[in-house]
């Protein structure tokens, strides 16, 4: 994990968060993930690795990951 942030709503619930981490080993490759959720529940981010780029999007728990 390179970085992680979170914001609470005053009632102990996490209203916003962000993560940035690097991972080596899955399928013998290295991947970088940068992702965040804002206070409205919108998630956005990317997953990048050798010959692959994925876009993370969605709202609340309806997340979509599209890879090329």
PDB file of N, CA and C in Angstrom:
ATOM      1  N   UNK A   1       0.848  -1.160   0.000  1.00  0.00           N
ATOM      2  CA  UNK A   1       0.000   0.000   0.000  1.00  0.00           C
ATOM      3  C   UNK A   1       0.896   1.226   0.000  1.00  0.00           C
ATOM      4  N   UNK A   2       0.677   2.073  -0.974  1.00  0.00           N
ATOM      5  CA  UNK A   2       1.446   3.309  -1.077  1.00  0.00           C
ATOM      6  C   UNK A   2       0.785   4.438  -0.294  1.00  0.00           C
ATOM      7  N   UNK A   3      -0.561   4.476  -0.311  1.00  0.00           N
ATOM      8  CA  UNK A   3      -1.287   5.526   0.400  1.00  0.00           C
ATOM      9  C   UNK A   3      -2.746   5.120   0.547  1.00  0.00           C
ATOM     10  N   UNK A   4      -3.373   5.590   1.607  1.00  0.00           N
ATOM     11  CA  UNK A   4      -4.808   5.388   1.814  1.00  0.00           C
ATOM     12  C   UNK A   4      -5.340   6.577   2.605  1.00  0.00           C
ATOM     13  N   UNK A   5      -6.522   7.048   2.224  1.00  0.00           N
ATOM     14  CA  UNK A   5      -7.142   8.155   2.929  1.00  0.00           C
ATOM     15  C   UNK A   5      -8.612   7.828   3.166  1.00  0.00           C
ATOM     16  N   UNK A   6      -9.191   8.441   4.152  1.00  0.00           N
ATOM     17  CA  UNK A   6     -10.611   8.270   4.419  1.00  0.00           C
ATOM     18  C   UNK A   6     -11.154   9.484   5.146  1.00  0.00           C
ATOM     19  N   UNK A   7     -12.422   9.766   4.920  1.00  0.00           N
ATOM     20  CA  UNK A   7     -13.101  10.874   5.575  1.00  0.00           C
ATOM     21  C   UNK A   7     -14.373  10.312   6.186  1.00  0.00           C
ATOM     22  N   UNK A   8     -14.631  10.635   7.447  1.00  0.00           N
ATOM     23  CA  UNK A   8     -15.859  10.168   8.079  1.00  0.00           C
ATOM     24  C   UNK A   8     -16.925  11.253   8.017  1.00  0.00           C
ATOM     25  N   UNK A   9     -18.159  10.819   8.179  1.00  0.00           N
ATOM     26  CA  UNK A   9     -19.295  11.743   8.095  1.00  0.00           C
ATOM     27  C   UNK A   9     -19.702  12.323   9.445  1.00  0.00           C
ATOM     28  N   UNK A  10     -18.934  12.070  10.481  1.00  0.00           N
ATOM     29  CA  UNK A  10     -19.270  12.564  11.812  1.00  0.00           C
ATOM     30  C   UNK A  10     -20.027  11.549  12.652  1.00  0.00           C
ATOM     31  N   UNK A  11     -20.546  10.499  12.016  1.00  0.00           N
ATOM     32  CA  UNK A  11     -21.246   9.429  12.713  1.00  0.00           C
ATOM     33  C   UNK A  11     -20.441   8.138  12.706  1.00  0.00           C
ATOM     34  N   UNK A  12     -19.177   8.227  12.311  1.00  0.00           N
ATOM     35  CA  UNK A  12     -18.321   7.046  12.266  1.00  0.00           C
ATOM     36  C   UNK A  12     -18.355   6.296  10.951  1.00  0.00           C
ATOM     37  N   UNK A  13     -19.146   6.744   9.997  1.00  0.00           N
ATOM     38  CA  UNK A  13     -19.211   6.114   8.681  1.00  0.00           C
ATOM     39  C   UNK A  13     -18.200   6.759   7.748  1.00  0.00           C
ATOM     40  N   UNK A  14     -17.566   5.962   6.915  1.00  0.00           N
ATOM     41  CA  UNK A  14     -16.621   6.510   5.939  1.00  0.00           C
ATOM     42  C   UNK A  14     -17.412   7.047   4.753  1.00  0.00           C
ATOM     43  N   UNK A  15     -17.310   8.348   4.522  1.00  0.00           N
ATOM     44  CA  UNK A  15     -18.055   8.975   3.435  1.00  0.00           C
ATOM     45  C   UNK A  15     -17.232   9.106   2.161  1.00  0.00           C
ATOM     46  N   UNK A  16     -15.914   9.172   2.299  1.00  0.00           N
ATOM     47  CA  UNK A  16     -15.020   9.265   1.143  1.00  0.00           C
ATOM     48  C   UNK A  16     -13.773   8.455   1.453  1.00  0.00           C
ATOM     49  N   UNK A  17     -13.166   7.892   0.396  1.00  0.00           N
ATOM     50  CA  UNK A  17     -11.910   7.174   0.599  1.00  0.00           C
ATOM     51  C   UNK A  17     -11.093   7.176  -0.680  1.00  0.00           C
ATOM     52  N   UNK A  18      -9.821   6.895  -0.525  1.00  0.00           N
ATOM     53  CA  UNK A  18      -8.922   6.779  -1.663  1.00  0.00           C
ATOM     54  C   UNK A  18      -7.820   5.784  -1.333  1.00  0.00           C
ATOM     55  N   UNK A  19      -7.404   5.022  -2.320  1.00  0.00           N
ATOM     56  CA  UNK A  19      -6.310   4.070  -2.139  1.00  0.00           C
ATOM     57  C   UNK A  19      -5.358   4.161  -3.328  1.00  0.00           C
ATOM     58  N   UNK A  20      -4.113   3.861  -3.048  1.00  0.00           N
ATOM     59  CA  UNK A  20      -3.080   3.796  -4.074  1.00  0.00           C
ATOM     60  C   UNK A  20      -2.144   2.680  -3.639  1.00  0.00           C
ATOM     61  N   UNK A  21      -2.111   1.598  -4.419  1.00  0.00           N
ATOM     62  CA  UNK A  21      -1.205   0.522  -4.040  1.00  0.00           C
ATOM     63  C   UNK A  21      -0.629  -0.176  -5.259  1.00  0.00           C
ATOM     64  N   UNK A  22       0.480  -0.812  -5.022  1.00  0.00           N
ATOM     65  CA  UNK A  22       1.172  -1.584  -6.052  1.00  0.00           C
ATOM     66  C   UNK A  22       1.226  -3.018  -5.587  1.00  0.00           C
ATOM     67  N   UNK A  23       1.062  -3.944  -6.536  1.00  0.00           N
ATOM     68  CA  UNK A  23       1.046  -5.350  -6.190  1.00  0.00           C
ATOM     69  C   UNK A  23       1.858  -6.135  -7.217  1.00  0.00           C
ATOM     70  N   UNK A  24       2.746  -6.955  -6.745  1.00  0.00           N
ATOM     71  CA  UNK A  24       3.524  -7.836  -7.627  1.00  0.00           C
ATOM     72  C   UNK A  24       3.196  -9.268  -7.269  1.00  0.00           C
ATOM     73  N   UNK A  25       2.979 -10.080  -8.276  1.00  0.00           N
ATOM     74  CA  UNK A  25       2.782 -11.488  -8.016  1.00  0.00           C
ATOM     75  C   UNK A  25       1.588 -12.097  -8.709  1.00  0.00           C
ATOM     76  N   UNK A  26       0.484 -11.362  -8.868  1.00  0.00           N
ATOM     77  CA  UNK A  26      -0.688 -11.932  -9.523  1.00  0.00           C
ATOM     78  C   UNK A  26      -0.347 -12.218 -10.978  1.00  0.00           C
ATOM     79  N   UNK A  27      -0.439 -13.460 -11.374  1.00  0.00           N
ATOM     80  CA  UNK A  27      -0.077 -13.898 -12.728  1.00  0.00           C
ATOM     81  C   UNK A  27       1.366 -13.545 -13.064  1.00  0.00           C
ATOM     82  N   UNK A  28       2.226 -13.491 -12.032  1.00  0.00           N
ATOM     83  CA  UNK A  28       3.643 -13.149 -12.196  1.00  0.00           C
ATOM     84  C   UNK A  28       3.845 -11.771 -12.820  1.00  0.00           C
ATOM     85  N   UNK A  29       2.940 -10.851 -12.518  1.00  0.00           N
ATOM     86  CA  UNK A  29       3.027  -9.494 -13.049  1.00  0.00           C
ATOM     87  C   UNK A  29       2.863  -8.475 -11.937  1.00  0.00           C
ATOM     88  N   UNK A  30       3.189  -7.228 -12.243  1.00  0.00           N
ATOM     89  CA  UNK A  30       3.015  -6.125 -11.303  1.00  0.00           C
ATOM     90  C   UNK A  30       1.826  -5.273 -11.744  1.00  0.00           C
ATOM     91  N   UNK A  31       1.036  -4.831 -10.775  1.00  0.00           N
ATOM     92  CA  UNK A  31      -0.125  -3.997 -11.044  1.00  0.00           C
ATOM     93  C   UNK A  31      -0.121  -2.795 -10.109  1.00  0.00           C
ATOM     94  N   UNK A  32      -0.640  -1.668 -10.597  1.00  0.00           N
ATOM     95  CA  UNK A  32      -0.824  -0.468  -9.795  1.00  0.00           C
ATOM     96  C   UNK A  32      -2.305  -0.126  -9.803  1.00  0.00           C
ATOM     97  N   UNK A  33      -2.837   0.161  -8.622  1.00  0.00           N
ATOM     98  CA  UNK A  33      -4.251   0.499  -8.473  1.00  0.00           C
ATOM     99  C   UNK A  33      -4.359   1.865  -7.798  1.00  0.00           C
ATOM    100  N   UNK A  34      -5.119   2.752  -8.420  1.00  0.00           N
ATOM    101  CA  UNK A  34      -5.431   4.053  -7.850  1.00  0.00           C
ATOM    102  C   UNK A  34      -6.950   4.195  -7.947  1.00  0.00           C
ATOM    103  N   UNK A  35      -7.601   4.359  -6.793  1.00  0.00           N
ATOM    104  CA  UNK A  35      -9.059   4.379  -6.803  1.00  0.00           C
ATOM    105  C   UNK A  35      -9.565   5.273  -5.674  1.00  0.00           C
ATOM    106  N   UNK A  36     -10.734   5.909  -5.893  1.00  0.00           N
ATOM    107  CA  UNK A  36     -11.313   6.782  -4.875  1.00  0.00           C
ATOM    108  C   UNK A  36     -12.830   6.765  -4.988  1.00  0.00           C
ATOM    109  N   UNK A  37     -13.481   6.999  -3.847  1.00  0.00           N
ATOM    110  CA  UNK A  37     -14.931   7.182  -3.798  1.00  0.00           C
ATOM    111  C   UNK A  37     -15.202   8.536  -3.158  1.00  0.00           C
ATOM    112  N   UNK A  38     -16.065   9.344  -3.791  1.00  0.00           N
ATOM    113  CA  UNK A  38     -16.363  10.658  -3.232  1.00  0.00           C
ATOM    114  C   UNK A  38     -17.593  10.590  -2.323  1.00  0.00           C
ATOM    115  N   UNK A  39     -17.957  11.716  -1.739  1.00  0.00           N
ATOM    116  CA  UNK A  39     -19.057  11.772  -0.771  1.00  0.00           C
ATOM    117  C   UNK A  39     -20.411  11.422  -1.386  1.00  0.00           C
ATOM    118  N   UNK A  40     -20.544  11.549  -2.699  1.00  0.00           N
ATOM    119  CA  UNK A  40     -21.801  11.200  -3.375  1.00  0.00           C
ATOM    120  C   UNK A  40     -21.856   9.730  -3.758  1.00  0.00           C
ATOM    121  N   UNK A  41     -20.787   8.971  -3.479  1.00  0.00           N
ATOM    122  CA  UNK A  41     -20.761   7.542  -3.787  1.00  0.00           C
ATOM    123  C   UNK A  41     -20.176   7.197  -5.135  1.00  0.00           C
ATOM    124  N   UNK A  42     -19.672   8.191  -5.859  1.00  0.00           N
ATOM    125  CA  UNK A  42     -19.089   7.944  -7.181  1.00  0.00           C
ATOM    126  C   UNK A  42     -17.672   7.397  -6.999  1.00  0.00           C
ATOM    127  N   UNK A  43     -17.398   6.282  -7.648  1.00  0.00           N
ATOM    128  CA  UNK A  43     -16.065   5.688  -7.589  1.00  0.00           C
ATOM    129  C   UNK A  43     -15.390   5.859  -8.944  1.00  0.00           C
ATOM    130  N   UNK A  44     -14.083   6.127  -8.896  1.00  0.00           N
ATOM    131  CA  UNK A  44     -13.318   6.256 -10.136  1.00  0.00           C
ATOM    132  C   UNK A  44     -11.889   5.824  -9.859  1.00  0.00           C
ATOM    133  N   UNK A  45     -11.256   5.291 -10.892  1.00  0.00           N
ATOM    134  CA  UNK A  45      -9.872   4.895 -10.722  1.00  0.00           C
ATOM    135  C   UNK A  45      -9.357   4.097 -11.894  1.00  0.00           C
ATOM    136  N   UNK A  46      -8.130   3.594 -11.721  1.00  0.00           N
ATOM    137  CA  UNK A  46      -7.490   2.802 -12.764  1.00  0.00           C
ATOM    138  C   UNK A  46      -6.711   1.650 -12.143  1.00  0.00           C
ATOM    139  N   UNK A  47      -6.580   0.622 -12.939  1.00  0.00           N
ATOM    140  CA  UNK A  47      -5.681  -0.493 -12.656  1.00  0.00           C
ATOM    141  C   UNK A  47      -4.775  -0.600 -13.871  1.00  0.00           C
ATOM    142  N   UNK A  48      -3.480  -0.531 -13.665  1.00  0.00           N
ATOM    143  CA  UNK A  48      -2.557  -0.645 -14.783  1.00  0.00           C
ATOM    144  C   UNK A  48      -1.543  -1.742 -14.490  1.00  0.00           C
ATOM    145  N   UNK A  49      -1.141  -2.396 -15.553  1.00  0.00           N
ATOM    146  CA  UNK A  49      -0.148  -3.446 -15.452  1.00  0.00           C
ATOM    147  C   UNK A  49       0.432  -3.719 -16.821  1.00  0.00           C
ATOM    148  N   UNK A  50       1.236  -4.746 -16.898  1.00  0.00           N
ATOM    149  CA  UNK A  50       1.861  -5.106 -18.158  1.00  0.00           C
ATOM    150  C   UNK A  50       0.797  -5.446 -19.199  1.00  0.00           C
ATOM    151  N   UNK A  51       0.707  -4.631 -20.243  1.00  0.00           N
ATOM    152  CA  UNK A  51      -0.212  -4.835 -21.358  1.00  0.00           C
ATOM    153  C   UNK A  51      -1.683  -4.801 -20.969  1.00  0.00           C
ATOM    154  N   UNK A  52      -2.036  -4.160 -19.857  1.00  0.00           N
ATOM    155  CA  UNK A  52      -3.449  -4.049 -19.481  1.00  0.00           C
ATOM    156  C   UNK A  52      -3.688  -2.719 -18.777  1.00  0.00           C
ATOM    157  N   UNK A  53      -4.805  -2.100 -19.124  1.00  0.00           N
ATOM    158  CA  UNK A  53      -5.271  -0.903 -18.440  1.00  0.00           C
ATOM    159  C   UNK A  53      -6.754  -1.072 -18.190  1.00  0.00           C
ATOM    160  N   UNK A  54      -7.161  -0.877 -16.946  1.00  0.00           N
ATOM    161  CA  UNK A  54      -8.563  -1.008 -16.581  1.00  0.00           C
ATOM    162  C   UNK A  54      -9.051   0.307 -15.988  1.00  0.00           C
ATOM    163  N   UNK A  55     -10.307   0.620 -16.260  1.00  0.00           N
ATOM    164  CA  UNK A  55     -10.953   1.796 -15.704  1.00  0.00           C
ATOM    165  C   UNK A  55     -11.995   1.335 -14.702  1.00  0.00           C
ATOM    166  N   UNK A  56     -11.963   1.929 -13.518  1.00  0.00           N
ATOM    167  CA  UNK A  56     -12.937   1.626 -12.475  1.00  0.00           C
ATOM    168  C   UNK A  56     -13.921   2.775 -12.421  1.00  0.00           C
ATOM    169  N   UNK A  57     -15.218   2.465 -12.443  1.00  0.00           N
ATOM    170  CA  UNK A  57     -16.236   3.515 -12.381  1.00  0.00           C
ATOM    171  C   UNK A  57     -17.468   2.954 -11.677  1.00  0.00           C
ATOM    172  N   UNK A  58     -18.418   3.819 -11.427  1.00  0.00           N
ATOM    173  CA  UNK A  58     -19.671   3.362 -10.842  1.00  0.00           C
ATOM    174  C   UNK A  58     -20.161   4.267  -9.738  1.00  0.00           C
ATOM    175  N   UNK A  59     -21.207   3.814  -9.092  1.00  0.00           N
ATOM    176  CA  UNK A  59     -21.872   4.566  -8.032  1.00  0.00           C
ATOM    177  C   UNK A  59     -22.187   3.616  -6.893  1.00  0.00           C
ATOM    178  N   UNK A  60     -21.839   4.021  -5.667  1.00  0.00           N
ATOM    179  CA  UNK A  60     -22.059   3.223  -4.470  1.00  0.00           C
ATOM    180  C   UNK A  60     -21.554   1.796  -4.676  1.00  0.00           C
ATOM    181  N   UNK A  61     -22.420   0.788  -4.659  1.00  0.00           N
ATOM    182  CA  UNK A  61     -21.942  -0.597  -4.799  1.00  0.00           C
ATOM    183  C   UNK A  61     -22.125  -1.135  -6.210  1.00  0.00           C
ATOM    184  N   UNK A  62     -22.494  -0.311  -7.166  1.00  0.00           N
ATOM    185  CA  UNK A  62     -22.616  -0.731  -8.561  1.00  0.00           C
ATOM    186  C   UNK A  62     -21.363  -0.404  -9.333  1.00  0.00           C
ATOM    187  N   UNK A  63     -20.258  -1.053  -8.974  1.00  0.00           N
ATOM    188  CA  UNK A  63     -18.968  -0.743  -9.577  1.00  0.00           C
ATOM    189  C   UNK A  63     -18.767  -1.513 -10.879  1.00  0.00           C
ATOM    190  N   UNK A  64     -18.046  -0.890 -11.809  1.00  0.00           N
ATOM    191  CA  UNK A  64     -17.756  -1.485 -13.107  1.00  0.00           C
ATOM    192  C   UNK A  64     -16.247  -1.394 -13.343  1.00  0.00           C
ATOM    193  N   UNK A  65     -15.654  -2.497 -13.793  1.00  0.00           N
ATOM    194  CA  UNK A  65     -14.246  -2.498 -14.163  1.00  0.00           C
ATOM    195  C   UNK A  65     -14.163  -2.923 -15.621  1.00  0.00           C
ATOM    196  N   UNK A  66     -13.668  -2.021 -16.468  1.00  0.00           N
ATOM    197  CA  UNK A  66     -13.501  -2.272 -17.901  1.00  0.00           C
ATOM    198  C   UNK A  66     -12.017  -2.316 -18.213  1.00  0.00           C
ATOM    199  N   UNK A  67     -11.564  -3.413 -18.836  1.00  0.00           N
ATOM    200  CA  UNK A  67     -10.150  -3.577 -19.152  1.00  0.00           C
ATOM    201  C   UNK A  67      -9.923  -3.695 -20.649  1.00  0.00           C
ATOM    202  N   UNK A  68      -8.776  -3.158 -21.078  1.00  0.00           N
ATOM    203  CA  UNK A  68      -8.364  -3.295 -22.486  1.00  0.00           C
ATOM    204  C   UNK A  68      -6.953  -3.806 -22.523  1.00  0.00           C
TER     205      UNK A  68
END
